[in-house]
Amino acid sequence: MKSKEKALFIADLAISKKGEGVVVLDVRKISNTTNFFIIVSASSSKRAQTIADIVEEGLRKKKLHLS
């Protein structure tokens, strides 16, 4: 899976758990260490943890890493 596909996959997972204001920033032209930056807001810390958990689970199921 290419980095853009992975970023959009993560964004979709966040949205599926009611992540708010999801933004996927393409930083390939300004960063040597990462390609995309995903920003997600949540209405509570519990919801933020749920979003983090679903992203980790989704990546694990697809055998992907955050790198």
C-alpha atoms as a PDB file:
ATOM      1  CA  MET A   1       0.000   0.000   0.000  1.00  0.00           C
ATOM      2  CA  LYS A   2       1.412   3.386  -0.996  1.00  0.00           C
ATOM      3  CA  SER A   3       1.738   6.159   1.587  1.00  0.00           C
ATOM      4  CA  LYS A   4      -1.170   8.176   0.139  1.00  0.00           C
ATOM      5  CA  GLU A   5      -3.454   5.133   0.236  1.00  0.00           C
ATOM      6  CA  LYS A   6      -2.385   4.455   3.820  1.00  0.00           C
ATOM      7  CA  ALA A   7      -3.074   8.066   4.858  1.00  0.00           C
ATOM      8  CA  LEU A   8      -6.548   7.967   3.299  1.00  0.00           C
ATOM      9  CA  PHE A   9      -7.219   4.583   4.925  1.00  0.00           C
ATOM     10  CA  ILE A  10      -6.311   6.026   8.322  1.00  0.00           C
ATOM     11  CA  ALA A  11      -8.504   9.080   7.690  1.00  0.00           C
ATOM     12  CA  ASP A  12     -11.437   6.808   6.768  1.00  0.00           C
ATOM     13  CA  LEU A  13     -10.949   4.802   9.965  1.00  0.00           C
ATOM     14  CA  ALA A  14     -10.980   8.008  12.024  1.00  0.00           C
ATOM     15  CA  ILE A  15     -14.137   9.225  10.308  1.00  0.00           C
ATOM     16  CA  SER A  16     -15.802   5.852  10.937  1.00  0.00           C
ATOM     17  CA  LYS A  17     -15.436   6.490  14.689  1.00  0.00           C
ATOM     18  CA  LYS A  18     -16.723  10.061  14.488  1.00  0.00           C
ATOM     19  CA  GLY A  19     -13.394  11.799  14.098  1.00  0.00           C
ATOM     20  CA  GLU A  20     -14.050  15.470  13.370  1.00  0.00           C
ATOM     21  CA  GLY A  21     -12.327  17.917  11.050  1.00  0.00           C
ATOM     22  CA  VAL A  22     -10.157  15.222   9.495  1.00  0.00           C
ATOM     23  CA  VAL A  23      -7.378  16.720   7.364  1.00  0.00           C
ATOM     24  CA  VAL A  24      -4.757  14.801   5.388  1.00  0.00           C
ATOM     25  CA  LEU A  25      -1.763  17.019   4.650  1.00  0.00           C
ATOM     26  CA  ASP A  26       0.672  16.081   1.897  1.00  0.00           C
ATOM     27  CA  VAL A  27       4.071  17.179   3.230  1.00  0.00           C
ATOM     28  CA  ARG A  28       6.306  15.298   0.777  1.00  0.00           C
ATOM     29  CA  LYS A  29       7.690  18.528  -0.667  1.00  0.00           C
ATOM     30  CA  ILE A  30       8.646  19.980   2.716  1.00  0.00           C
ATOM     31  CA  SER A  31       9.643  16.937   4.792  1.00  0.00           C
ATOM     32  CA  ASN A  32      12.288  14.273   4.414  1.00  0.00           C
ATOM     33  CA  THR A  33      10.895  12.184   7.261  1.00  0.00           C
ATOM     34  CA  THR A  34       7.209  11.737   6.408  1.00  0.00           C
ATOM     35  CA  ASN A  35       4.870  11.930   3.439  1.00  0.00           C
ATOM     36  CA  PHE A  36       1.487  12.668   5.004  1.00  0.00           C
ATOM     37  CA  PHE A  37       0.256  14.140   8.251  1.00  0.00           C
ATOM     38  CA  ILE A  38      -3.268  13.316   9.440  1.00  0.00           C
ATOM     39  CA  ILE A  39      -5.049  15.670  11.825  1.00  0.00           C
ATOM     40  CA  VAL A  40      -8.197  14.500  13.619  1.00  0.00           C
ATOM     41  CA  SER A  41     -10.234  16.164  16.348  1.00  0.00           C
ATOM     42  CA  ALA A  42     -12.494  14.390  18.812  1.00  0.00           C
ATOM     43  CA  SER A  43     -15.228  15.631  21.105  1.00  0.00           C
ATOM     44  CA  SER A  44     -13.778  13.867  24.153  1.00  0.00           C
ATOM     45  CA  SER A  45     -10.660  12.079  25.317  1.00  0.00           C
ATOM     46  CA  LYS A  46     -12.602   8.790  25.316  1.00  0.00           C
ATOM     47  CA  ARG A  47     -13.531   9.292  21.665  1.00  0.00           C
ATOM     48  CA  ALA A  48      -9.916  10.225  20.836  1.00  0.00           C
ATOM     49  CA  GLN A  49      -8.741   6.959  22.408  1.00  0.00           C
ATOM     50  CA  THR A  50     -11.393   5.024  20.463  1.00  0.00           C
ATOM     51  CA  ILE A  51     -10.132   6.601  17.228  1.00  0.00           C
ATOM     52  CA  ALA A  52      -6.514   5.748  18.093  1.00  0.00           C
ATOM     53  CA  ASP A  53      -7.520   2.172  18.917  1.00  0.00           C
ATOM     54  CA  ILE A  54      -9.434   1.662  15.647  1.00  0.00           C
ATOM     55  CA  VAL A  55      -6.526   3.062  13.628  1.00  0.00           C
ATOM     56  CA  GLU A  56      -4.062   0.705  15.348  1.00  0.00           C
ATOM     57  CA  GLU A  57      -6.434  -2.243  14.880  1.00  0.00           C
ATOM     58  CA  GLY A  58      -7.062  -1.408  11.218  1.00  0.00           C
ATOM     59  CA  LEU A  59      -3.353  -1.150  10.469  1.00  0.00           C
ATOM     60  CA  ARG A  60      -2.631  -4.375  12.337  1.00  0.00           C
ATOM     61  CA  LYS A  61      -5.343  -6.255  10.377  1.00  0.00           C
ATOM     62  CA  LYS A  62      -3.779  -5.101   7.100  1.00  0.00           C
ATOM     63  CA  LYS A  63      -0.267  -5.826   8.438  1.00  0.00           C
ATOM     64  CA  LEU A  64       0.745  -2.205   7.973  1.00  0.00           C
ATOM     65  CA  HIS A  65       3.022  -0.028  10.119  1.00  0.00           C
ATOM     66  CA  LEU A  66       3.078   3.654  10.953  1.00  0.00           C
ATOM     67  CA  SER A  67       6.335   4.541   9.268  1.00  0.00           C
END
